[in-house]
Protein backbone atom coordinates (compact mmCIF):
# COMPACT_ATOMS: atom_id res chain seq x y z
CA MET A 1 0.01 0.27 -0.14
CA GLU A 2 3.03 2.41 0.61
CA GLU A 3 3.55 2.25 -3.30
CA GLU A 4 -0.13 3.12 -4.11
CA ILE A 5 0.15 6.09 -1.27
CA LYS A 6 3.22 7.18 -3.08
CA ALA A 7 1.89 7.27 -6.51
CA GLU A 8 -1.07 9.06 -5.44
CA PHE A 9 1.11 11.91 -3.85
CA LEU A 10 3.22 12.26 -7.05
CA LYS A 11 0.05 12.27 -9.17
CA SER A 12 -1.29 15.18 -7.20
CA GLY A 13 1.78 16.94 -7.87
CA PHE A 14 3.41 16.47 -4.37
CA THR A 15 7.04 15.21 -3.32
CA LEU A 16 8.08 13.40 -0.51
CA ASP A 17 10.84 14.77 1.83
CA GLU A 18 11.66 11.82 4.43
CA GLU A 19 9.86 9.35 1.97
CA GLN A 20 10.21 5.98 4.25
CA GLU A 21 9.05 7.67 7.34
CA ILE A 22 6.17 9.64 5.79
CA LEU A 23 4.98 6.63 3.69
CA LYS A 24 5.04 4.57 7.11
CA LYS A 25 2.92 6.97 9.01
CA CYS A 26 0.46 7.17 6.35
CA HIS A 27 0.28 3.49 5.98
CA THR A 28 -0.77 3.50 9.42
CA PHE A 29 -3.25 6.26 9.11
CA CYS A 30 -4.81 4.37 6.16
CA GLN A 31 -5.33 1.31 8.46
CA ASP A 32 -6.44 3.28 11.57
CA TYR A 33 -9.33 4.81 9.74
CA GLY A 34 -10.26 2.63 6.65
CA LEU A 35 -8.80 5.20 4.27
CA GLU A 36 -7.88 4.32 0.64
CA PRO A 37 -4.83 5.98 -0.71
CA SER A 38 -6.74 8.29 -2.92
CA ASP A 39 -8.81 9.41 0.25
CA LEU A 40 -5.77 9.87 2.19
CA VAL A 41 -4.15 12.25 -0.28
CA SER A 42 -7.69 14.13 -0.78
CA SER A 43 -7.51 14.95 3.04
CA TRP A 44 -3.74 16.06 2.61
CA GLU A 45 -4.78 18.39 -0.10
CA ILE A 46 -7.32 19.78 2.18
CA TYR A 47 -5.03 20.10 5.27
CA TYR A 48 -2.38 21.94 2.83
CA LEU A 49 -4.86 24.38 1.61
CA ASN A 50 -6.28 25.13 5.00
CA ARG A 51 -2.73 25.62 6.39
CA GLN A 52 -1.52 27.59 3.57
CA LEU A 53 1.86 26.05 3.26
CA ASP A 54 4.06 27.34 0.95
CA GLU A 55 5.78 24.27 -1.44
CA SER A 56 4.28 21.22 -2.24
CA VAL A 57 6.60 19.17 -0.40
CA VAL A 58 5.25 16.59 2.42
CA LYS A 59 7.29 16.82 5.20
CA ASP A 60 7.50 14.73 8.19
CA ALA A 61 7.05 17.61 10.46
CA GLU A 62 3.42 18.01 9.46
CA MET A 63 2.28 14.72 10.05
CA ASP A 64 1.40 15.40 13.70
CA GLY A 65 -0.91 18.09 12.62
CA PHE A 66 -2.24 15.96 9.45
CA LEU A 67 -3.11 13.19 12.40
CA GLY A 68 -5.06 15.85 14.21
CA HIS A 69 -6.98 16.79 10.68
CA LEU A 70 -7.68 13.40 10.14
CA GLN A 71 -9.12 12.84 13.50
CA SER A 72 -11.43 15.82 13.24
CA GLU A 73 -12.81 14.61 9.79
CA GLN A 74 -13.41 11.14 11.35
CA LEU A 75 -14.93 12.92 14.22
CA GLY A 76 -17.27 15.00 12.41
CA ALA A 77 -18.22 11.92 10.11
CA SER A 78 -19.04 9.83 13.31
CA ALA A 79 -21.08 12.53 14.69
CA LYS A 80 -23.36 12.83 11.84
CA LYS A 81 -23.98 9.07 12.09
CA ASP A 82 -24.32 8.71 15.66
CA PRO A 83 -24.60 11.91 17.57
CA GLY A 84 -23.91 10.51 21.01
CA LEU A 85 -20.68 8.81 19.82
CA HIS A 86 -17.37 10.18 21.32
CA MET A 87 -14.13 9.57 19.08
CA TYR A 88 -10.90 9.67 21.47
CA SER A 89 -8.04 12.05 20.12
CA PHE A 90 -4.79 13.15 20.75
CA LYS A 91 -6.38 16.11 22.59
CA ASP A 92 -8.21 13.75 24.98
CA VAL A 93 -4.85 11.67 25.66
CA ASP A 94 -3.17 15.23 26.52
CA MET A 95 -5.92 16.11 28.72
CA VAL A 96 -6.03 12.58 30.79
CA LEU A 97 -1.91 12.78 30.98
CA ASP A 98 -2.09 16.49 32.13
CA ALA A 99 -4.76 15.49 34.53
CA GLU A 100 -2.47 12.41 35.98
CA ASP A 101 0.45 14.84 36.28
CA GLU A 102 -1.56 17.24 38.39
CA ASP A 103 -2.79 14.22 40.71
CA ALA A 104 1.07 13.02 40.89
CA LYS A 105 2.06 16.64 42.00
CA ASP A 106 -0.79 16.49 44.68
CA VAL A 107 0.43 13.02 46.03
CA ILE A 108 4.19 14.21 46.50
CA LEU A 109 4.78 15.58 50.07
CA GLY A 110 6.54 18.59 50.89
CA THR A 111 6.41 21.63 52.65
CA PRO A 112 3.39 23.44 52.36
CA ILE A 113 3.70 26.74 50.14
CA ASP A 114 1.06 29.58 49.88
CA LYS A 115 -1.10 30.25 46.43
CA SER A 116 1.34 33.06 45.28
CA GLU A 117 4.32 31.12 45.65
CA LYS A 118 2.82 27.84 44.06
CA LEU A 119 1.84 30.14 40.90
CA GLN A 120 5.33 31.39 40.78
CA LEU A 121 6.66 27.89 40.64
CA ASP A 122 4.10 26.85 38.37
CA ILE A 123 4.77 29.68 35.86
CA TYR A 124 8.63 29.29 36.18
CA ASP A 125 8.48 25.54 35.24
CA SER A 126 6.24 25.93 32.31
CA ALA A 127 8.47 28.72 31.30
CA HIS A 128 11.30 26.16 30.98
CA LYS A 129 9.00 24.22 28.97
CA THR A 130 7.95 26.74 26.40
CA ASN A 131 10.75 29.06 26.23
CA GLY A 132 9.50 32.04 28.09
CA ASN A 133 6.03 31.68 26.87
CA ILE A 134 3.98 30.90 30.09
CA TYR A 135 0.58 30.78 28.26
CA SER A 136 1.33 28.15 25.78
CA SER A 137 0.01 24.64 27.04
CA GLU A 138 2.06 21.64 26.54
CA ARG A 139 -0.35 20.34 23.77
CA LYS A 140 0.20 23.79 21.61
CA SER A 141 3.87 23.41 21.96
CA LYS A 142 3.87 20.16 20.26
CA LEU A 143 2.04 21.68 17.06
CA VAL A 144 4.30 22.70 14.61
CA THR A 145 3.01 26.17 13.24
CA PRO A 146 4.51 28.83 10.69
CA PHE A 147 4.36 31.20 13.62
CA GLY A 148 6.05 29.17 16.36
CA LYS A 149 8.95 28.31 13.58
CA ARG A 150 9.53 32.12 12.61
CA SER A 151 13.15 33.48 13.27
CA ASN A 152 12.61 37.01 13.50
CA LYS A 153 11.04 37.13 17.04
CA PHE A 154 11.01 40.37 18.89
CA VAL A 155 12.79 42.34 16.23
CA VAL A 156 12.09 45.90 16.73
CA LYS A 157 10.83 47.17 13.19
CA PHE A 158 10.45 50.85 13.84
CA ASN A 159 11.72 53.22 16.80
CA ILE A 160 10.09 56.56 17.28
CA ASP A 161 12.66 57.88 19.74
CA ASN A 162 15.59 56.05 18.50
CA LEU A 163 15.89 54.44 21.88
CA PRO A 164 18.35 51.66 22.45
CA THR A 165 16.90 47.91 22.34
CA ILE A 166 18.96 44.78 23.84
CA GLU A 167 19.24 42.39 21.06
CA THR A 168 21.10 39.32 20.40
CA ALA A 169 23.69 38.63 17.58
CA ASN A 170 20.55 37.06 15.70
CA GLY A 171 18.53 40.15 16.12
CA ILE A 172 16.18 38.41 18.39
CA GLU A 173 15.55 40.16 22.08
CA GLU A 174 17.47 38.45 25.00
CA HIS A 175 15.32 36.47 27.03
CA TYR A 176 15.38 37.52 30.67
CA ASP A 177 16.92 35.25 33.54
CA LEU A 178 13.78 33.74 35.09
CA GLU A 179 15.27 33.72 38.61
CA ASP A 180 15.84 37.43 38.37
CA GLY A 181 12.20 37.77 37.29
CA ILE A 182 10.92 36.05 40.23
CA ILE A 183 13.11 38.27 42.32
CA LYS A 184 11.92 41.40 40.49
CA ARG A 185 8.43 40.11 41.04
CA VAL A 186 8.80 40.57 44.70
CA GLN A 187 8.87 44.64 44.19
CA PRO A 188 5.25 45.62 43.96
CA LEU A 189 3.99 47.16 40.96
CA LYS A 190 3.08 50.86 41.04
CA SER A 191 -0.76 51.24 40.76
CA SER A 192 -2.05 53.30 37.71
CA SER A 193 -5.18 55.41 38.28
CA LEU A 194 -7.81 54.87 35.70
CA VAL A 195 -10.66 56.95 34.69
CA VAL A 196 -12.96 55.92 32.17
CA HIS A 197 -14.94 58.74 30.13
CA ARG A 198 -18.37 56.87 29.33
CA SER A 199 -19.74 58.25 25.86
CA GLY A 200 -23.49 57.06 26.73
CA LEU A 201 -22.99 53.61 25.04
CA GLU A 202 -23.80 50.85 27.38
CA PRO A 203 -23.42 47.03 26.69
CA GLY A 204 -26.53 45.85 25.37
CA CYS A 205 -27.60 49.09 23.88
CA ARG A 206 -29.92 49.45 21.24
CA PHE A 207 -28.69 50.67 17.75
CA MET A 208 -30.26 51.32 14.13
CA TYR A 209 -33.12 52.94 15.68
CA ASP A 210 -32.01 56.49 14.83
CA THR A 211 -34.71 59.03 13.04
CA ILE A 212 -33.95 61.26 10.71
CA GLU A 213 -34.25 64.11 13.12
CA ASP A 214 -31.75 62.70 15.18
CA ARG A 215 -29.20 62.80 12.35
CA PHE A 216 -30.05 66.49 11.63
CA ASN A 217 -30.06 67.80 15.20
CA ALA A 218 -26.33 65.83 15.53
CA ILE A 219 -25.18 67.56 12.40
CA GLU A 220 -26.56 71.01 13.75
CA ASN A 221 -24.96 70.69 16.97
CA ARG A 222 -21.66 69.94 15.42
CA ILE A 223 -21.75 72.99 13.25
CA ARG A 224 -23.09 75.15 16.11
CA LYS A 225 -20.43 74.19 18.51
CA HIS A 226 -17.95 74.46 15.93
CA ALA A 227 -18.99 78.03 15.03
CA ALA A 228 -18.96 78.83 18.90
CA ALA A 229 -15.33 77.78 19.35
CA LEU A 230 -14.33 80.12 16.69
CA VAL A 231 -16.27 83.06 17.52
CA ALA A 232 -14.84 82.35 21.25
CA SER A 233 -11.32 82.36 20.16
CA SER A 234 -11.91 86.51 19.30
CA LEU A 235 -10.05 85.94 15.92
CA TYR A 236 -13.11 85.64 13.69
CA GLU A 237 -16.44 87.41 13.72
CA GLU A 238 -19.91 86.20 14.18
CA PRO A 239 -20.94 83.67 10.99
CA MET A 240 -23.41 85.11 8.24
CA ASP A 241 -25.52 83.38 5.98
CA PRO A 242 -23.19 82.09 2.91
CA SER A 243 -26.25 81.88 0.52
CA VAL A 244 -27.27 85.50 0.57
CA ALA A 245 -25.62 87.49 -2.52
CA SER A 246 -23.28 89.96 -1.17
CA GLN A 247 -19.98 91.75 -2.52
CA ARG A 248 -18.79 92.34 1.00
CA SER A 249 -16.44 89.72 2.54
CA MET A 250 -18.22 87.57 5.11
CA PHE A 251 -17.32 84.83 7.37
CA ALA A 252 -19.26 81.63 7.54
CA VAL A 253 -19.18 78.17 9.32
CA GLY A 254 -20.70 74.99 7.80
CA MET A 255 -19.77 70.95 6.81
CA ILE A 256 -18.32 70.23 3.76
CA CYS A 257 -20.71 67.94 1.69
CA CYS A 258 -20.49 66.39 -2.02
CA ASP A 259 -22.99 67.07 -4.80
CA GLY A 260 -23.27 63.73 -5.90
CA GLU A 261 -22.30 59.97 -4.95
CA GLY A 262 -18.84 60.19 -6.18
CA HIS A 263 -15.37 61.69 -4.85
CA LEU A 264 -15.04 65.22 -4.20
CA ASN A 265 -14.04 67.66 -6.90
CA ASP A 266 -13.74 71.28 -7.89
CA LYS A 267 -17.21 71.07 -9.21
CA SER A 268 -18.90 69.07 -6.55
CA ILE A 269 -18.03 70.89 -3.19
CA LEU A 270 -20.91 72.22 -1.20
CA LEU A 271 -21.28 74.05 2.13
CA GLN A 272 -24.17 73.33 4.58
CA SER A 273 -24.50 75.98 7.20
CA SER A 274 -26.44 75.81 10.33
CA VAL A 275 -30.21 76.42 10.61
CA GLU A 276 -29.67 79.36 12.72
CA HIS A 277 -27.70 81.18 10.19
CA SER A 278 -28.84 80.01 6.75
CA ARG A 279 -31.78 77.33 7.76
CA GLY A 280 -29.75 74.62 6.67
CA GLN A 281 -29.05 75.66 2.88
CA LEU A 282 -26.36 74.42 0.85
CA VAL A 283 -24.21 76.61 -1.39
CA ARG A 284 -21.67 75.65 -3.87
CA LEU A 285 -18.08 76.33 -2.84
CA GLU A 286 -15.35 77.57 -4.78
CA LEU A 287 -11.63 77.12 -3.63
CA ASN A 288 -9.91 77.89 -6.78
CA LYS A 289 -8.10 81.22 -4.93
CA LEU A 290 -6.60 79.03 -2.20
CA SER A 291 -3.19 77.81 -2.66
CA TYR A 292 -3.46 75.16 -0.08
CA PHE A 293 -6.40 73.01 1.25
CA SER A 294 -7.19 69.55 2.37
CA VAL A 295 -10.97 68.89 2.77
CA PHE A 296 -13.47 65.87 3.26
CA PRO A 297 -17.32 65.18 3.15
CA GLY A 298 -18.38 65.79 7.06
CA GLN A 299 -15.32 68.03 7.75
CA VAL A 300 -16.84 71.21 9.65
CA VAL A 301 -14.73 74.47 8.45
CA GLY A 302 -14.82 78.36 8.64
CA ILE A 303 -14.74 80.09 5.36
CA LYS A 304 -13.79 83.60 4.70
CA GLY A 305 -15.18 84.68 1.34
CA HIS A 306 -17.81 86.42 -0.88
CA ASN A 307 -21.02 85.49 -2.71
CA PRO A 308 -21.63 87.74 -5.54
CA SER A 309 -24.17 86.07 -7.34
CA GLY A 310 -25.80 84.02 -4.34
CA HIS A 311 -25.15 80.73 -5.72
CA CYS A 312 -21.38 80.04 -5.19
CA LEU A 313 -19.19 81.30 -2.37
CA ILE A 314 -15.92 81.93 -3.50
CA ALA A 315 -13.45 81.18 -0.46
CA SER A 316 -10.12 83.45 0.26
CA GLU A 317 -9.33 81.62 3.18
CA LEU A 318 -10.38 78.30 4.93
CA VAL A 319 -10.05 77.49 8.54
CA ASP A 320 -10.16 73.92 9.42
CA SER A 321 -9.49 74.03 13.05
CA VAL A 322 -10.10 75.77 16.25
CA PRO A 323 -7.41 78.00 17.33
CA LEU A 324 -5.75 77.02 20.61
CA SER A 325 -6.65 79.08 23.71
CA ILE A 326 -3.10 80.57 24.11
CA ALA A 327 -3.42 81.86 20.52
CA ALA A 328 -6.38 83.71 21.53
CA ASP A 329 -4.58 84.76 24.45
CA ALA A 330 -1.83 86.52 22.35
CA ASP A 331 -3.95 90.12 21.85
CA LEU A 332 -4.60 90.39 25.82
CA PRO A 333 -3.04 93.46 27.30
CA PRO A 334 0.40 93.03 28.85
CA THR A 335 -0.67 93.00 32.56
CA LYS A 336 -3.20 90.53 32.04
CA LYS A 337 -1.18 88.14 30.00
CA GLN A 338 1.71 88.33 32.61
CA ALA A 339 -0.63 87.36 35.41
CA LEU A 340 -2.20 84.15 33.15
CA ASP A 341 1.67 83.16 32.71
CA GLY A 342 2.00 83.28 36.24
CA GLU A 343 -1.07 81.22 37.07
CA ILE A 344 0.07 78.58 34.49
CA GLN A 345 3.57 78.59 35.80
CA ALA A 346 2.30 78.02 39.32
CA THR A 347 0.35 75.17 38.14
CA HIS A 348 3.24 73.17 36.28
CA LEU A 349 5.37 73.67 39.49
CA SER A 350 2.64 72.34 41.98
CA SER A 351 1.96 69.33 39.85
CA THR A 352 4.58 66.53 40.11
CA PRO A 353 5.36 64.61 36.90
CA THR A 354 4.03 61.02 36.80
CA GLU A 355 5.59 58.20 34.57
CA THR A 356 3.24 55.52 33.30
CA THR A 357 4.33 52.42 31.73
CA MET A 358 2.24 50.89 29.27
CA ILE A 359 2.00 48.01 26.43
CA ILE A 360 -0.44 48.80 23.52
CA ALA A 361 -1.31 45.87 20.75
CA ALA A 362 -3.87 45.78 18.45
CA GLY A 363 -5.54 42.68 17.05
CA PRO A 364 -6.02 40.08 15.33
CA PHE A 365 -4.47 38.02 17.93
CA THR A 366 -4.39 34.97 15.83
CA THR A 367 -2.78 33.67 12.61
CA THR A 368 -4.59 32.66 9.70
CA ASP A 369 -3.82 28.90 9.87
CA ASN A 370 -5.05 28.37 13.17
CA LEU A 371 -6.95 29.65 16.40
CA LEU A 372 -4.36 28.84 18.99
CA PHE A 373 -3.89 32.40 19.92
CA GLU A 374 -0.28 32.18 19.71
CA PRO A 375 0.46 36.12 19.09
CA LEU A 376 -1.75 36.71 22.24
CA SER A 377 0.24 34.07 24.14
CA GLU A 378 3.75 35.62 23.29
CA LEU A 379 2.38 38.88 23.89
CA LEU A 380 1.13 38.54 27.38
CA ALA A 381 4.71 36.40 27.93
CA TYR A 382 6.43 39.75 26.89
CA ALA A 383 4.39 41.94 29.03
CA THR A 384 5.17 39.47 32.07
CA ARG A 385 9.04 40.15 31.22
CA ASN A 386 8.44 44.09 31.00
CA SER A 387 5.90 44.61 33.74
CA PRO A 388 3.73 47.49 32.58
CA GLN A 389 1.41 49.14 34.73
CA LEU A 390 -1.16 49.39 31.91
CA LEU A 391 -1.70 46.73 29.34
CA ILE A 392 -4.22 48.14 26.10
CA LEU A 393 -5.68 45.42 23.75
CA LEU A 394 -7.63 46.61 20.98
CA GLY A 395 -9.52 44.02 18.72
CA PRO A 396 -10.53 42.21 16.90
CA PHE A 397 -10.10 39.12 19.43
CA ILE A 398 -12.71 36.74 17.76
CA ASP A 399 -11.55 37.89 14.01
CA SER A 400 -14.55 37.42 11.73
CA GLU A 401 -12.19 37.74 8.77
CA HIS A 402 -10.21 34.68 10.14
CA PRO A 403 -10.60 31.66 7.41
CA GLN A 404 -11.80 28.97 10.11
CA ILE A 405 -14.73 31.55 11.15
CA LYS A 406 -15.66 32.52 8.00
CA LYS A 407 -16.13 29.06 6.75
CA GLY A 408 -17.84 27.93 10.04
CA THR A 409 -15.49 25.02 10.90
CA VAL A 410 -15.24 25.71 14.78
CA ASP A 411 -16.84 23.49 17.26
CA LEU A 412 -17.37 26.19 19.91
CA SER A 413 -19.59 29.45 19.87
CA PHE A 414 -17.83 32.72 19.29
CA ASP A 415 -18.64 33.87 22.92
CA ASP A 416 -17.12 30.33 24.12
CA ILE A 417 -13.91 30.91 22.33
CA PHE A 418 -13.66 34.50 23.57
CA GLN A 419 -14.32 33.33 27.22
CA SER A 420 -12.17 30.26 27.20
CA GLU A 421 -9.19 31.57 25.23
CA VAL A 422 -8.87 35.32 25.51
CA LEU A 423 -10.41 35.93 29.01
CA ARG A 424 -8.62 32.87 30.51
CA MET A 425 -5.19 34.21 29.16
CA VAL A 426 -5.72 37.66 30.19
CA GLN A 427 -6.97 36.65 33.65
CA ASP A 428 -3.87 34.28 34.13
CA TYR A 429 -1.74 37.08 33.33
CA LEU A 430 -3.43 39.62 35.83
CA GLU A 431 -3.21 36.74 38.54
CA TYR A 432 0.55 36.19 38.10
CA MET A 433 1.19 40.21 37.75
CA GLY A 434 -0.64 41.16 40.91
CA PRO A 435 -3.80 43.35 41.93
CA ASN A 436 -1.86 46.84 40.61
CA ALA A 437 -1.60 45.53 37.08
CA ARG A 438 -4.71 47.04 34.84
CA LEU A 439 -5.74 45.74 31.48
CA VAL A 440 -8.02 47.71 29.07
CA MET A 441 -10.04 45.99 26.08
CA VAL A 442 -11.45 47.59 23.23
CA PRO A 443 -13.57 45.83 20.91
CA SER A 444 -13.59 45.80 17.09
CA ILE A 445 -16.30 45.78 14.33
CA ARG A 446 -14.61 42.82 13.16
CA ASP A 447 -15.27 40.72 16.32
CA ALA A 448 -17.47 37.90 15.62
CA ASN A 449 -18.68 37.88 19.24
CA HIS A 450 -19.66 41.63 19.32
CA ASP A 451 -22.21 43.92 17.66
CA PHE A 452 -21.35 45.04 13.98
CA VAL A 453 -22.15 48.73 14.48
CA PHE A 454 -20.19 51.79 15.03
CA PRO A 455 -19.57 53.46 17.48
CA GLN A 456 -19.54 50.44 19.37
CA PRO A 457 -20.52 49.17 22.88
CA ALA A 458 -18.03 47.77 25.24
CA PHE A 459 -17.88 43.99 26.22
CA ASP A 460 -20.23 42.78 28.75
CA LEU A 461 -17.97 41.47 30.96
CA ASP A 462 -20.49 42.51 34.24
CA SER A 463 -22.10 39.04 33.37
CA LEU A 464 -19.24 37.10 33.34
CA ASN A 465 -17.01 36.35 36.43
CA VAL A 466 -13.95 38.22 35.13
CA ARG A 467 -11.46 40.10 37.32
CA LEU A 468 -12.23 43.76 38.46
CA GLN A 469 -8.86 44.59 36.88
CA ILE A 470 -10.29 44.22 33.16
CA THR A 471 -11.68 47.37 32.09
CA SER A 472 -13.83 47.37 28.61
CA LEU A 473 -13.98 50.72 26.70
CA ASN A 474 -16.33 51.67 24.13
CA ASN A 475 -14.89 51.96 20.24
CA PRO A 476 -14.25 54.85 20.29
CA GLY A 477 -13.62 55.29 24.13
CA ILE A 478 -11.62 57.67 26.18
CA PHE A 479 -9.93 57.24 29.27
CA GLU A 480 -7.61 58.87 31.85
CA ALA A 481 -4.27 57.07 33.16
CA ASP A 482 -2.28 58.99 35.40
CA GLN A 483 -3.18 62.34 34.25
CA PHE A 484 -2.82 60.96 30.38
CA MET A 485 -5.75 61.36 28.38
CA ILE A 486 -5.70 58.29 25.73
CA GLY A 487 -8.05 57.97 22.99
CA CYS A 488 -8.59 54.27 21.60
CA CYS A 489 -10.34 53.41 18.31
CA THR A 490 -10.07 50.20 16.19
CA VAL A 491 -11.44 51.59 12.96
CA ASP A 492 -9.01 52.92 10.54
CA ILE A 493 -10.02 56.48 10.43
CA LEU A 494 -6.74 57.44 8.32
CA LYS A 495 -7.79 54.80 5.69
CA HIS A 496 -11.34 56.47 5.53
CA LEU A 497 -10.14 59.83 5.29
CA SER A 498 -7.51 59.05 2.48
CA GLY A 499 -10.16 57.73 0.41
CA GLU A 500 -12.43 60.67 0.89
CA GLU A 501 -10.00 63.52 0.80
CA MET A 502 -9.46 66.19 -1.63
CA SER A 503 -6.25 68.31 -1.26
CA ARG A 504 -4.08 71.22 -3.06
CA HIS A 505 -0.54 71.30 -2.18
CA SER A 506 1.19 74.74 -1.97
CA MET A 507 3.72 75.52 -4.48
CA ASP A 508 6.40 77.14 -2.45
CA GLY A 509 8.57 73.69 -2.28
CA GLN A 510 7.93 72.69 1.16
CA PRO A 511 7.81 68.96 1.73
CA ASN A 512 4.24 67.67 2.26
CA ASP A 513 3.52 64.71 4.35
CA ARG A 514 0.11 63.00 3.49
CA LEU A 515 0.00 60.83 6.46
CA SER A 516 0.77 63.93 8.79
CA ARG A 517 -1.80 65.78 7.13
CA LEU A 518 -4.56 63.29 7.49
CA ALA A 519 -3.43 62.60 11.17
CA ASN A 520 -4.05 66.51 11.89
CA HIS A 521 -7.51 66.13 10.81
CA ILE A 522 -8.00 64.10 13.83
CA LEU A 523 -6.87 66.53 16.16
CA SER A 524 -8.43 69.79 14.41
CA GLN A 525 -11.96 68.20 14.14
CA GLN A 526 -11.71 66.63 17.66
CA ARG A 527 -14.73 64.31 18.71
CA GLN A 528 -16.63 65.40 15.66
CA LEU A 529 -14.43 63.28 13.15
CA LEU A 530 -15.68 60.07 15.07
CA SER A 531 -19.46 61.12 14.32
CA THR A 532 -18.50 61.76 10.78
CA VAL A 533 -17.01 58.26 10.23
CA SER A 534 -20.15 56.70 11.93
CA THR A 535 -22.47 58.24 9.66
CA SER A 536 -20.64 58.28 6.26
């Protein structure tokens, strides 16, 4: 039969690396599961495609994974014939062996130790087995995955401040000494104060129930708040109706709109002012006299110009951001400005500088070939070695774009995977790090176990038995950590802006960074940009 198996592999375009060993194992698979050589090779093709292997070479290192694939196929076929039948696999064997190991540990007599010491020793032992990855089970370490075989681990791809990094000769971060790590853990981690600024979205809230009136009021409030901020800076006059014909220069505040379904162009830019100033009418906006501008639909701007015909507002200046308060204070009298500077300096001297260490990571936390959450496991091991006060994890956690999720080949529900894998791993991390460590989780619209809506409510963790050190934020969400205001969002706003933006570069020869220009819109539009993305 081994020759038939070899012939079937060659017929399908596969070559054998270690021929004798592979054929021997495949022969055993055929006997154990009653497969013909053609059926075995067909199963290998499915396994080959699911794992996205690079070359058509059958390697002995993949036989353990192929065995698990065959067992899953047999288990699925048996479940259809007899739902009450259970077929044991290597997963059950590992579970039994692990249970026996735990029983053996309990039998051994020794000096009683408390729970914290036992936890550190367990992590110390498992770290030896998994090369510093304290969250990888023994079963996962036996599987050969592309993520586990990668060579460029912990390589710094980009460094903003050019800080020195500790690397080995191979470019891989040096693992710390486990004994030093345990000694270091005796020193308590400094607690980080965490204040969440809620935006009104609560877990389980209703969505897609907003009316046209609600949308209109939201747009009206945005325009009026922006106009009030510009007038309060004392640099601009009260806004006027931009749709009224006038030869005099005027100042107007409104929202950029597009006259059609396509992208913005010179002929399709419209300005919608507020009901208070123009009854919400639209007027065409001409920007030909401006040497530089950057606009997108939904952006609230101030326009200086004139409208000679009543049908087109010809802009001479575009104000795309609210001036800072310090800029507005530039025209204050010298005595008042000196007093204000003294107050600011006194405030700076009284406030003691704080240092907060944090690690920020964005999902997905799985590789495309499996749902073992190896990247999340390695990230938590990295966080354990560096001991941050705050760990921020942004979704997706259960990625709806994952091949196994899209095909529906998982046995558990999405909520069960989230609880048994993600929450279990982060709770183990927090239990090891101590009560002062904090963790923030932000959902994503790609999370299969959460609402597909933006803005997005936080994960409902109150109904689950999770540690109080875990905080779930809305998407987008804002929180304050040790006087640092941090905003989190898992939607790629820059990607949306890059597809909708229309700009003109200045001709003075100065370099123009498009990414910086797009990022500046987030600061200039403040919270208004998030609602623009959600309604577009």
